[in-house]
PDB file of all heavy atoms in Angstrom:
ATOM      1  N   ALA A   1     161.322  18.717  25.728  1.00  0.00           N
ATOM      2  CA  ALA A   1     159.901  18.757  25.385  1.00  0.00           C
ATOM      3  C   ALA A   1     159.392  17.377  24.984  1.00  0.00           C
ATOM      4  O   ALA A   1     158.297  16.962  25.386  1.00  0.00           O
ATOM      5  CB  ALA A   1     159.664  19.755  24.255  1.00  0.00           C
ATOM      6  N   TRP A   2     160.187  16.655  24.199  1.00  0.00           N
ATOM      7  CA  TRP A   2     159.789  15.308  23.804  1.00  0.00           C
ATOM      8  C   TRP A   2     159.748  14.378  25.010  1.00  0.00           C
ATOM      9  O   TRP A   2     158.845  13.544  25.124  1.00  0.00           O
ATOM     10  CB  TRP A   2     160.744  14.748  22.756  1.00  0.00           C
ATOM     11  CG  TRP A   2     160.545  15.345  21.404  1.00  0.00           C
ATOM     12  CD1 TRP A   2     161.277  16.345  20.840  1.00  0.00           C
ATOM     13  CD2 TRP A   2     159.550  14.994  20.449  1.00  0.00           C
ATOM     14  NE1 TRP A   2     160.790  16.641  19.588  1.00  0.00           N
ATOM     15  CE2 TRP A   2     159.735  15.819  19.317  1.00  0.00           C
ATOM     16  CE3 TRP A   2     158.523  14.067  20.434  1.00  0.00           C
ATOM     17  CZ2 TRP A   2     158.922  15.743  18.199  1.00  0.00           C
ATOM     18  CZ3 TRP A   2     157.717  13.988  19.307  1.00  0.00           C
ATOM     19  CH2 TRP A   2     157.923  14.813  18.213  1.00  0.00           C
ATOM     20  N   LEU A   3     160.726  14.506  25.918  1.00  0.00           N
ATOM     21  CA  LEU A   3     160.722  13.673  27.121  1.00  0.00           C
ATOM     22  C   LEU A   3     159.521  13.995  27.999  1.00  0.00           C
ATOM     23  O   LEU A   3     158.898  13.091  28.564  1.00  0.00           O
ATOM     24  CB  LEU A   3     162.022  13.843  27.903  1.00  0.00           C
ATOM     25  CG  LEU A   3     163.238  13.136  27.322  1.00  0.00           C
ATOM     26  CD1 LEU A   3     164.495  13.502  28.093  1.00  0.00           C
ATOM     27  CD2 LEU A   3     163.028  11.630  27.328  1.00  0.00           C
ATOM     28  N   TYR A   4     159.184  15.255  28.125  1.00  0.00           N
ATOM     29  CA  TYR A   4     158.008  15.646  28.906  1.00  0.00           C
ATOM     30  C   TYR A   4     156.760  14.974  28.335  1.00  0.00           C
ATOM     31  O   TYR A   4     155.945  14.422  29.062  1.00  0.00           O
ATOM     32  CB  TYR A   4     157.853  17.169  28.908  1.00  0.00           C
ATOM     33  CG  TYR A   4     156.613  17.627  29.619  1.00  0.00           C
ATOM     34  CD1 TYR A   4     156.595  17.751  30.996  1.00  0.00           C
ATOM     35  CD2 TYR A   4     155.443  17.928  28.915  1.00  0.00           C
ATOM     36  CE1 TYR A   4     155.450  18.164  31.662  1.00  0.00           C
ATOM     37  CE2 TYR A   4     154.305  18.333  29.567  1.00  0.00           C
ATOM     38  CZ  TYR A   4     154.313  18.451  30.945  1.00  0.00           C
ATOM     39  OH  TYR A   4     153.171  18.838  31.599  1.00  0.00           O
ATOM     40  N   ARG A   5     156.640  15.054  27.027  1.00  0.00           N
ATOM     41  CA  ARG A   5     155.464  14.459  26.376  1.00  0.00           C
ATOM     42  C   ARG A   5     155.389  12.954  26.645  1.00  0.00           C
ATOM     43  O   ARG A   5     154.324  12.427  26.973  1.00  0.00           O
ATOM     44  CB  ARG A   5     155.528  14.726  24.875  1.00  0.00           C
ATOM     45  CG  ARG A   5     154.360  14.164  24.122  1.00  0.00           C
ATOM     46  CD  ARG A   5     154.428  14.564  22.654  1.00  0.00           C
ATOM     47  NE  ARG A   5     153.339  13.963  21.947  1.00  0.00           N
ATOM     48  CZ  ARG A   5     153.475  13.226  20.863  1.00  0.00           C
ATOM     49  NH1 ARG A   5     154.660  13.032  20.352  1.00  0.00           N
ATOM     50  NH2 ARG A   5     152.440  12.703  20.271  1.00  0.00           N
ATOM     51  N   GLU A   6     156.505  12.271  26.512  1.00  0.00           N
ATOM     52  CA  GLU A   6     156.517  10.814  26.693  1.00  0.00           C
ATOM     53  C   GLU A   6     156.387  10.405  28.161  1.00  0.00           C
ATOM     54  O   GLU A   6     155.618   9.509  28.490  1.00  0.00           O
ATOM     55  CB  GLU A   6     157.799  10.217  26.112  1.00  0.00           C
ATOM     56  CG  GLU A   6     157.835  10.154  24.618  1.00  0.00           C
ATOM     57  CD  GLU A   6     156.825   9.173  24.042  1.00  0.00           C
ATOM     58  OE1 GLU A   6     156.560   8.123  24.657  1.00  0.00           O
ATOM     59  OE2 GLU A   6     156.283   9.480  22.968  1.00  0.00           O
ATOM     60  N   ILE A   7     157.165  11.037  29.036  1.00  0.00           N
ATOM     61  CA  ILE A   7     157.271  10.600  30.425  1.00  0.00           C
ATOM     62  C   ILE A   7     156.109  11.089  31.277  1.00  0.00           C
ATOM     63  O   ILE A   7     155.599  10.356  32.124  1.00  0.00           O
ATOM     64  CB  ILE A   7     158.619  11.065  31.036  1.00  0.00           C
ATOM     65  CG1 ILE A   7     159.795  10.480  30.265  1.00  0.00           C
ATOM     66  CG2 ILE A   7     158.722  10.737  32.501  1.00  0.00           C
ATOM     67  CD1 ILE A   7     159.843   8.978  30.256  1.00  0.00           C
ATOM     68  N   VAL A   8     155.658  12.321  31.056  1.00  0.00           N
ATOM     69  CA  VAL A   8     154.602  12.895  31.899  1.00  0.00           C
ATOM     70  C   VAL A   8     153.232  12.727  31.241  1.00  0.00           C
ATOM     71  O   VAL A   8     152.322  12.167  31.850  1.00  0.00           O
ATOM     72  CB  VAL A   8     154.889  14.385  32.196  1.00  0.00           C
ATOM     73  CG1 VAL A   8     153.758  15.023  32.982  1.00  0.00           C
ATOM     74  CG2 VAL A   8     156.201  14.534  32.937  1.00  0.00           C
ATOM     75  N   GLN A   9     153.097  13.187  30.011  1.00  0.00           N
ATOM     76  CA  GLN A   9     151.781  13.217  29.388  1.00  0.00           C
ATOM     77  C   GLN A   9     151.303  11.855  28.896  1.00  0.00           C
ATOM     78  O   GLN A   9     150.170  11.465  29.164  1.00  0.00           O
ATOM     79  CB  GLN A   9     151.762  14.216  28.235  1.00  0.00           C
ATOM     80  CG  GLN A   9     151.893  15.650  28.689  1.00  0.00           C
ATOM     81  CD  GLN A   9     151.885  16.627  27.531  1.00  0.00           C
ATOM     82  OE1 GLN A   9     152.211  16.278  26.395  1.00  0.00           O
ATOM     83  NE2 GLN A   9     151.527  17.870  27.815  1.00  0.00           N
ATOM     84  N   ARG A  10     152.139  11.141  28.173  1.00  0.00           N
ATOM     85  CA  ARG A  10     151.680   9.895  27.564  1.00  0.00           C
ATOM     86  C   ARG A  10     151.735   8.703  28.513  1.00  0.00           C
ATOM     87  O   ARG A  10     150.826   7.894  28.539  1.00  0.00           O
ATOM     88  CB  ARG A  10     152.511   9.580  26.320  1.00  0.00           C
ATOM     89  CG  ARG A  10     152.229  10.571  25.190  1.00  0.00           C
ATOM     90  CD  ARG A  10     152.927  10.209  23.945  1.00  0.00           C
ATOM     91  NE  ARG A  10     152.185   9.147  23.286  1.00  0.00           N
ATOM     92  CZ  ARG A  10     152.667   8.390  22.339  1.00  0.00           C
ATOM     93  NH1 ARG A  10     153.897   8.563  21.926  1.00  0.00           N
ATOM     94  NH2 ARG A  10     151.939   7.457  21.784  1.00  0.00           N
ATOM     95  N   ARG A  11     152.806   8.581  29.271  1.00  0.00           N
ATOM     96  CA  ARG A  11     152.986   7.390  30.098  1.00  0.00           C
ATOM     97  C   ARG A  11     152.687   7.614  31.572  1.00  0.00           C
ATOM     98  O   ARG A  11     152.479   6.659  32.298  1.00  0.00           O
ATOM     99  CB  ARG A  11     154.396   6.858  29.926  1.00  0.00           C
ATOM    100  CG  ARG A  11     154.687   6.511  28.476  1.00  0.00           C
ATOM    101  CD  ARG A  11     156.008   5.831  28.318  1.00  0.00           C
ATOM    102  NE  ARG A  11     156.320   5.641  26.931  1.00  0.00           N
ATOM    103  CZ  ARG A  11     155.796   4.725  26.127  1.00  0.00           C
ATOM    104  NH1 ARG A  11     154.910   3.900  26.604  1.00  0.00           N
ATOM    105  NH2 ARG A  11     156.141   4.629  24.872  1.00  0.00           N
ATOM    106  N   GLY A  12     152.719   8.860  32.024  1.00  0.00           N
ATOM    107  CA  GLY A  12     152.439   9.152  33.421  1.00  0.00           C
ATOM    108  C   GLY A  12     153.438   8.560  34.398  1.00  0.00           C
ATOM    109  O   GLY A  12     153.107   8.301  35.551  1.00  0.00           O
ATOM    110  N   CYS A  13     154.677   8.371  33.946  1.00  0.00           N
ATOM    111  CA  CYS A  13     155.706   7.801  34.827  1.00  0.00           C
ATOM    112  C   CYS A  13     156.101   8.773  35.929  1.00  0.00           C
ATOM    113  O   CYS A  13     156.410   8.361  37.043  1.00  0.00           O
ATOM    114  CB  CYS A  13     156.947   7.420  34.025  1.00  0.00           C
ATOM    115  SG  CYS A  13     156.652   6.121  32.824  1.00  0.00           S
ATOM    116  N   LEU A  14     156.122  10.060  35.614  1.00  0.00           N
ATOM    117  CA  LEU A  14     156.420  11.108  36.587  1.00  0.00           C
ATOM    118  C   LEU A  14     155.328  12.160  36.500  1.00  0.00           C
ATOM    119  O   LEU A  14     154.738  12.356  35.437  1.00  0.00           O
ATOM    120  CB  LEU A  14     157.772  11.777  36.295  1.00  0.00           C
ATOM    121  CG  LEU A  14     159.040  10.943  36.365  1.00  0.00           C
ATOM    122  CD1 LEU A  14     160.242  11.800  35.975  1.00  0.00           C
ATOM    123  CD2 LEU A  14     159.237  10.355  37.748  1.00  0.00           C
ATOM    124  N   ASP A  15     155.084  12.840  37.613  1.00  0.00           N
ATOM    125  CA  ASP A  15     154.158  13.969  37.546  1.00  0.00           C
ATOM    126  C   ASP A  15     154.918  15.205  37.080  1.00  0.00           C
ATOM    127  O   ASP A  15     156.139  15.195  36.961  1.00  0.00           O
ATOM    128  CB  ASP A  15     153.448  14.195  38.870  1.00  0.00           C
ATOM    129  CG  ASP A  15     154.386  14.547  40.015  1.00  0.00           C
ATOM    130  OD1 ASP A  15     155.582  14.806  39.773  1.00  0.00           O
ATOM    131  OD2 ASP A  15     153.925  14.551  41.170  1.00  0.00           O
ATOM    132  N   GLU A  16     154.188  16.268  36.804  1.00  0.00           N
ATOM    133  CA  GLU A  16     154.794  17.468  36.234  1.00  0.00           C
ATOM    134  C   GLU A  16     155.834  18.093  37.169  1.00  0.00           C
ATOM    135  O   GLU A  16     156.907  18.498  36.730  1.00  0.00           O
ATOM    136  CB  GLU A  16     153.709  18.487  35.901  1.00  0.00           C
ATOM    137  CG  GLU A  16     154.223  19.660  35.118  1.00  0.00           C
ATOM    138  CD  GLU A  16     153.110  20.518  34.566  1.00  0.00           C
ATOM    139  OE1 GLU A  16     152.099  19.958  34.108  1.00  0.00           O
ATOM    140  OE2 GLU A  16     153.268  21.738  34.584  1.00  0.00           O
ATOM    141  N   ASP A  17     155.524  18.158  38.466  1.00  0.00           N
ATOM    142  CA  ASP A  17     156.467  18.750  39.416  1.00  0.00           C
ATOM    143  C   ASP A  17     157.771  17.954  39.483  1.00  0.00           C
ATOM    144  O   ASP A  17     158.856  18.537  39.534  1.00  0.00           O
ATOM    145  CB  ASP A  17     155.847  18.841  40.814  1.00  0.00           C
ATOM    146  CG  ASP A  17     154.734  19.873  40.878  1.00  0.00           C
ATOM    147  OD1 ASP A  17     154.736  20.792  40.035  1.00  0.00           O
ATOM    148  OD2 ASP A  17     153.867  19.765  41.769  1.00  0.00           O
ATOM    149  N   HIS A  18     157.654  16.642  39.483  1.00  0.00           N
ATOM    150  CA  HIS A  18     158.844  15.794  39.539  1.00  0.00           C
ATOM    151  C   HIS A  18     159.681  15.959  38.270  1.00  0.00           C
ATOM    152  O   HIS A  18     160.910  15.995  38.315  1.00  0.00           O
ATOM    153  CB  HIS A  18     158.422  14.344  39.732  1.00  0.00           C
ATOM    154  CG  HIS A  18     159.495  13.474  40.274  1.00  0.00           C
ATOM    155  ND1 HIS A  18     159.237  12.231  40.789  1.00  0.00           N
ATOM    156  CD2 HIS A  18     160.829  13.630  40.399  1.00  0.00           C
ATOM    157  CE1 HIS A  18     160.366  11.684  41.181  1.00  0.00           C
ATOM    158  NE2 HIS A  18     161.339  12.511  40.952  1.00  0.00           N
ATOM    159  N   PHE A  19     159.019  16.071  37.130  1.00  0.00           N
ATOM    160  CA  PHE A  19     159.742  16.263  35.879  1.00  0.00           C
ATOM    161  C   PHE A  19     160.464  17.601  35.861  1.00  0.00           C
ATOM    162  O   PHE A  19     161.612  17.695  35.423  1.00  0.00           O
ATOM    163  CB  PHE A  19     158.797  16.155  34.680  1.00  0.00           C
ATOM    164  CG  PHE A  19     159.516  16.252  33.364  1.00  0.00           C
ATOM    165  CD1 PHE A  19     160.100  15.125  32.810  1.00  0.00           C
ATOM    166  CD2 PHE A  19     159.634  17.459  32.704  1.00  0.00           C
ATOM    167  CE1 PHE A  19     160.792  15.210  31.598  1.00  0.00           C
ATOM    168  CE2 PHE A  19     160.313  17.553  31.506  1.00  0.00           C
ATOM    169  CZ  PHE A  19     160.899  16.431  30.957  1.00  0.00           C
ATOM    170  N   ILE A  20     159.803  18.659  36.332  1.00  0.00           N
ATOM    171  CA  ILE A  20     160.438  19.979  36.360  1.00  0.00           C
ATOM    172  C   ILE A  20     161.638  19.975  37.296  1.00  0.00           C
ATOM    173  O   ILE A  20     162.672  20.571  37.002  1.00  0.00           O
ATOM    174  CB  ILE A  20     159.407  21.066  36.734  1.00  0.00           C
ATOM    175  CG1 ILE A  20     158.419  21.216  35.582  1.00  0.00           C
ATOM    176  CG2 ILE A  20     160.086  22.388  37.054  1.00  0.00           C
ATOM    177  CD1 ILE A  20     157.241  22.097  35.864  1.00  0.00           C
ATOM    178  N   THR A  21     161.512  19.270  38.413  1.00  0.00           N
ATOM    179  CA  THR A  21     162.655  19.119  39.315  1.00  0.00           C
ATOM    180  C   THR A  21     163.803  18.402  38.607  1.00  0.00           C
ATOM    181  O   THR A  21     164.959  18.814  38.706  1.00  0.00           O
ATOM    182  CB  THR A  21     162.240  18.333  40.575  1.00  0.00           C
ATOM    183  OG1 THR A  21     161.184  19.033  41.225  1.00  0.00           O
ATOM    184  CG2 THR A  21     163.402  18.142  41.520  1.00  0.00           C
ATOM    185  N   ALA A  22     163.474  17.345  37.882  1.00  0.00           N
ATOM    186  CA  ALA A  22     164.494  16.599  37.140  1.00  0.00           C
ATOM    187  C   ALA A  22     165.144  17.479  36.077  1.00  0.00           C
ATOM    188  O   ALA A  22     166.371  17.455  35.902  1.00  0.00           O
ATOM    189  CB  ALA A  22     163.869  15.368  36.491  1.00  0.00           C
ATOM    190  N   LEU A  23     164.342  18.260  35.380  1.00  0.00           N
ATOM    191  CA  LEU A  23     164.870  19.146  34.341  1.00  0.00           C
ATOM    192  C   LEU A  23     165.789  20.202  34.945  1.00  0.00           C
ATOM    193  O   LEU A  23     166.874  20.468  34.417  1.00  0.00           O
ATOM    194  CB  LEU A  23     163.716  19.807  33.580  1.00  0.00           C
ATOM    195  CG  LEU A  23     164.100  20.761  32.465  1.00  0.00           C
ATOM    196  CD1 LEU A  23     164.897  20.041  31.380  1.00  0.00           C
ATOM    197  CD2 LEU A  23     162.855  21.394  31.872  1.00  0.00           C
ATOM    198  N   THR A  24     165.378  20.775  36.055  1.00  0.00           N
ATOM    199  CA  THR A  24     166.203  21.786  36.726  1.00  0.00           C
ATOM    200  C   THR A  24     167.525  21.189  37.181  1.00  0.00           C
ATOM    201  O   THR A  24     168.597  21.768  36.963  1.00  0.00           O
ATOM    202  CB  THR A  24     165.442  22.374  37.932  1.00  0.00           C
ATOM    203  OG1 THR A  24     164.205  22.906  37.477  1.00  0.00           O
ATOM    204  CG2 THR A  24     166.255  23.456  38.612  1.00  0.00           C
ATOM    205  N   LEU A  25     167.462  20.031  37.779  1.00  0.00           N
ATOM    206  CA  LEU A  25     168.681  19.367  38.249  1.00  0.00           C
ATOM    207  C   LEU A  25     169.595  19.018  37.080  1.00  0.00           C
ATOM    208  O   LEU A  25     170.811  19.193  37.145  1.00  0.00           O
ATOM    209  CB  LEU A  25     168.327  18.118  39.051  1.00  0.00           C
ATOM    210  CG  LEU A  25     169.485  17.370  39.684  1.00  0.00           C
ATOM    211  CD1 LEU A  25     170.219  18.268  40.679  1.00  0.00           C
ATOM    212  CD2 LEU A  25     168.986  16.130  40.389  1.00  0.00           C
ATOM    213  N   SER A  26     169.022  18.566  35.981  1.00  0.00           N
ATOM    214  CA  SER A  26     169.845  18.188  34.829  1.00  0.00           C
ATOM    215  C   SER A  26     170.542  19.399  34.216  1.00  0.00           C
ATOM    216  O   SER A  26     171.609  19.271  33.632  1.00  0.00           O
ATOM    217  CB  SER A  26     169.005  17.475  33.770  1.00  0.00           C
ATOM    218  OG  SER A  26     168.124  18.363  33.137  1.00  0.00           O
ATOM    219  N   GLN A  27     169.940  20.584  34.351  1.00  0.00           N
ATOM    220  CA  GLN A  27     170.562  21.789  33.810  1.00  0.00           C
ATOM    221  C   GLN A  27     171.673  22.306  34.704  1.00  0.00           C
ATOM    222  O   GLN A  27     172.585  22.979  34.241  1.00  0.00           O
ATOM    223  CB  GLN A  27     169.505  22.868  33.603  1.00  0.00           C
ATOM    224  CG  GLN A  27     168.547  22.522  32.487  1.00  0.00           C
ATOM    225  CD  GLN A  27     167.415  23.512  32.341  1.00  0.00           C
ATOM    226  OE1 GLN A  27     167.125  24.281  33.247  1.00  0.00           O
ATOM    227  NE2 GLN A  27     166.763  23.484  31.193  1.00  0.00           N
ATOM    228  N   VAL A  28     171.603  21.995  35.990  1.00  0.00           N
ATOM    229  CA  VAL A  28     172.621  22.459  36.930  1.00  0.00           C
ATOM    230  C   VAL A  28     173.864  21.573  36.865  1.00  0.00           C
ATOM    231  O   VAL A  28     174.989  22.049  37.005  1.00  0.00           O
ATOM    232  CB  VAL A  28     172.041  22.483  38.363  1.00  0.00           C
ATOM    233  CG1 VAL A  28     173.105  22.765  39.389  1.00  0.00           C
ATOM    234  CG2 VAL A  28     170.924  23.511  38.463  1.00  0.00           C
ATOM    235  N   LEU A  29     173.668  20.300  36.634  1.00  0.00           N
ATOM    236  CA  LEU A  29     174.792  19.356  36.608  1.00  0.00           C
ATOM    237  C   LEU A  29     175.634  19.541  35.344  1.00  0.00           C
ATOM    238  O   LEU A  29     175.108  19.935  34.301  1.00  0.00           O
ATOM    239  CB  LEU A  29     174.270  17.924  36.664  1.00  0.00           C
ATOM    240  CG  LEU A  29     173.573  17.523  37.952  1.00  0.00           C
ATOM    241  CD1 LEU A  29     172.948  16.148  37.807  1.00  0.00           C
ATOM    242  CD2 LEU A  29     174.544  17.544  39.119  1.00  0.00           C
ATOM    243  N   PRO A  30     176.929  19.249  35.425  1.00  0.00           N
ATOM    244  CA  PRO A  30     177.751  19.328  34.211  1.00  0.00           C
ATOM    245  C   PRO A  30     177.367  18.223  33.236  1.00  0.00           C
ATOM    246  O   PRO A  30     176.913  17.154  33.639  1.00  0.00           O
ATOM    247  CB  PRO A  30     179.179  19.148  34.731  1.00  0.00           C
ATOM    248  CG  PRO A  30     179.035  18.491  36.052  1.00  0.00           C
ATOM    249  CD  PRO A  30     177.698  18.876  36.605  1.00  0.00           C
ATOM    250  N   GLY A  31     177.531  18.497  31.969  1.00  0.00           N
ATOM    251  CA  GLY A  31     177.214  17.508  30.940  1.00  0.00           C
ATOM    252  C   GLY A  31     176.032  17.964  30.114  1.00  0.00           C
ATOM    253  O   GLY A  31     175.452  19.027  30.339  1.00  0.00           O
ATOM    254  N   ALA A  32     175.677  17.143  29.160  1.00  0.00           N
ATOM    255  CA  ALA A  32     174.560  17.453  28.270  1.00  0.00           C
ATOM    256  C   ALA A  32     173.241  17.306  29.029  1.00  0.00           C
ATOM    257  O   ALA A  32     172.982  16.272  29.647  1.00  0.00           O
ATOM    258  CB  ALA A  32     174.583  16.540  27.058  1.00  0.00           C
ATOM    259  N   ASN A  33     172.406  18.335  28.967  1.00  0.00           N
ATOM    260  CA  ASN A  33     171.135  18.320  29.698  1.00  0.00           C
ATOM    261  C   ASN A  33     170.252  17.123  29.362  1.00  0.00           C
ATOM    262  O   ASN A  33     169.692  16.506  30.261  1.00  0.00           O
ATOM    263  CB  ASN A  33     170.369  19.623  29.466  1.00  0.00           C
ATOM    264  CG  ASN A  33     171.063  20.817  30.054  1.00  0.00           C
ATOM    265  OD1 ASN A  33     171.947  20.689  30.891  1.00  0.00           O
ATOM    266  ND2 ASN A  33     170.657  21.994  29.615  1.00  0.00           N
ATOM    267  N   PRO A  34     170.075  16.765  28.072  1.00  0.00           N
ATOM    268  CA  PRO A  34     169.214  15.619  27.771  1.00  0.00           C
ATOM    269  C   PRO A  34     169.740  14.313  28.374  1.00  0.00           C
ATOM    270  O   PRO A  34     168.956  13.492  28.850  1.00  0.00           O
ATOM    271  CB  PRO A  34     169.205  15.548  26.243  1.00  0.00           C
ATOM    272  CG  PRO A  34     169.576  16.915  25.797  1.00  0.00           C
ATOM    273  CD  PRO A  34     170.496  17.453  26.842  1.00  0.00           C
ATOM    274  N   VAL A  35     171.048  14.129  28.355  1.00  0.00           N
ATOM    275  CA  VAL A  35     171.620  12.908  28.927  1.00  0.00           C
ATOM    276  C   VAL A  35     171.426  12.917  30.439  1.00  0.00           C
ATOM    277  O   VAL A  35     171.028  11.902  31.033  1.00  0.00           O
ATOM    278  CB  VAL A  35     173.108  12.764  28.552  1.00  0.00           C
ATOM    279  CG1 VAL A  35     173.726  11.561  29.233  1.00  0.00           C
ATOM    280  CG2 VAL A  35     173.261  12.652  27.042  1.00  0.00           C
ATOM    281  N   ASN A  36     171.690  14.055  31.081  1.00  0.00           N
ATOM    282  CA  ASN A  36     171.463  14.156  32.522  1.00  0.00           C
ATOM    283  C   ASN A  36     170.010  13.863  32.866  1.00  0.00           C
ATOM    284  O   ASN A  36     169.714  13.153  33.831  1.00  0.00           O
ATOM    285  CB  ASN A  36     171.831  15.555  33.024  1.00  0.00           C
ATOM    286  CG  ASN A  36     173.310  15.827  32.979  1.00  0.00           C
ATOM    287  OD1 ASN A  36     174.121  14.918  32.868  1.00  0.00           O
ATOM    288  ND2 ASN A  36     173.668  17.095  33.045  1.00  0.00           N
ATOM    289  N   LEU A  37     169.098  14.411  32.072  1.00  0.00           N
ATOM    290  CA  LEU A  37     167.672  14.197  32.316  1.00  0.00           C
ATOM    291  C   LEU A  37     167.301  12.729  32.145  1.00  0.00           C
ATOM    292  O   LEU A  37     166.547  12.171  32.955  1.00  0.00           O
ATOM    293  CB  LEU A  37     166.852  15.079  31.379  1.00  0.00           C
ATOM    294  CG  LEU A  37     165.349  15.093  31.568  1.00  0.00           C
ATOM    295  CD1 LEU A  37     164.971  15.539  32.978  1.00  0.00           C
ATOM    296  CD2 LEU A  37     164.704  16.014  30.540  1.00  0.00           C
ATOM    297  N   SER A  38     167.838  12.099  31.118  1.00  0.00           N
ATOM    298  CA  SER A  38     167.528  10.682  30.904  1.00  0.00           C
ATOM    299  C   SER A  38     168.069   9.821  32.040  1.00  0.00           C
ATOM    300  O   SER A  38     167.395   8.895  32.498  1.00  0.00           O
ATOM    301  CB  SER A  38     168.062  10.200  29.552  1.00  0.00           C
ATOM    302  OG  SER A  38     169.463  10.206  29.544  1.00  0.00           O
ATOM    303  N   ILE A  39     169.267  10.122  32.507  1.00  0.00           N
ATOM    304  CA  ILE A  39     169.831   9.359  33.627  1.00  0.00           C
ATOM    305  C   ILE A  39     168.970   9.545  34.874  1.00  0.00           C
ATOM    306  O   ILE A  39     168.659   8.581  35.583  1.00  0.00           O
ATOM    307  CB  ILE A  39     171.294   9.778  33.885  1.00  0.00           C
ATOM    308  CG1 ILE A  39     172.180   9.311  32.730  1.00  0.00           C
ATOM    309  CG2 ILE A  39     171.803   9.212  35.209  1.00  0.00           C
ATOM    310  CD1 ILE A  39     173.587   9.872  32.769  1.00  0.00           C
ATOM    311  N   TYR A  40     168.565  10.775  35.140  1.00  0.00           N
ATOM    312  CA  TYR A  40     167.758  11.043  36.323  1.00  0.00           C
ATOM    313  C   TYR A  40     166.418  10.315  36.249  1.00  0.00           C
ATOM    314  O   TYR A  40     166.014   9.634  37.184  1.00  0.00           O
ATOM    315  CB  TYR A  40     167.538  12.548  36.487  1.00  0.00           C
ATOM    316  CG  TYR A  40     166.727  12.886  37.707  1.00  0.00           C
ATOM    317  CD1 TYR A  40     167.345  13.057  38.934  1.00  0.00           C
ATOM    318  CD2 TYR A  40     165.346  13.025  37.641  1.00  0.00           C
ATOM    319  CE1 TYR A  40     166.613  13.359  40.070  1.00  0.00           C
ATOM    320  CE2 TYR A  40     164.606  13.322  38.762  1.00  0.00           C
ATOM    321  CZ  TYR A  40     165.234  13.490  39.978  1.00  0.00           C
ATOM    322  OH  TYR A  40     164.505  13.774  41.088  1.00  0.00           O
TER     323      TYR A  40
END
C-alpha cells in the first residue's frame, strides 16, 4: 500500500495496471513480496 502510494499516486512512475501486474508477479515469485515488488 505504501509503495502504491509513492510509486503510482505521488510520483507517477508506474500506472495502476502496471503496478498491479508487478504486485501479482511479486506474490507468485518465491521470497518476500515487498522485496520482490521493489526489485521489479
